[in-house]
Amino acid sequence: MINQESHIVYKNCLGSVAQNDLDMTFELTMHGKTVSLTPQQFLRLKNKVKSFNLEAMLLQEGHAVEILIIPEHDEVFVLTCIEMVQIRDLFSGSMVMLSLNSILQDALKPALF
């Protein structure tokens, strides 16, 4: 569950990413679990997800799944190929929204002062 101090940065059918400004963390919610991540952990996890070879998963016979481990929290997610695409979208969309938010704040700062 997302903290009251958090606001959703991006969400899709797999889950959501929220930003908590009070403790400067990101909250990743998926499969009914919420994991609080520092910005460094968030970026490491994003890069880990990006490194998974989707093409190899698709070409595999049988049920192709990827195991995503978040060591700092002892969390394990078992993701199907479709969920891998969705989690990539979750991270990409979050990064776009965070960049857009920074651009808007920079543009509005001079107008506010």
Foldseek 3Di string as FASTA:
>chain_A
DDDPQWDWLDADPFWTWIARPVVQWIWTDGPRDTDTGHPVLLVVQLVVLVPDDLVVQVPDPDFRWDWRASVVVRDIDIGGSVVSVVVNCRSVSSVVSVVVVVVVCVVCVVVVD
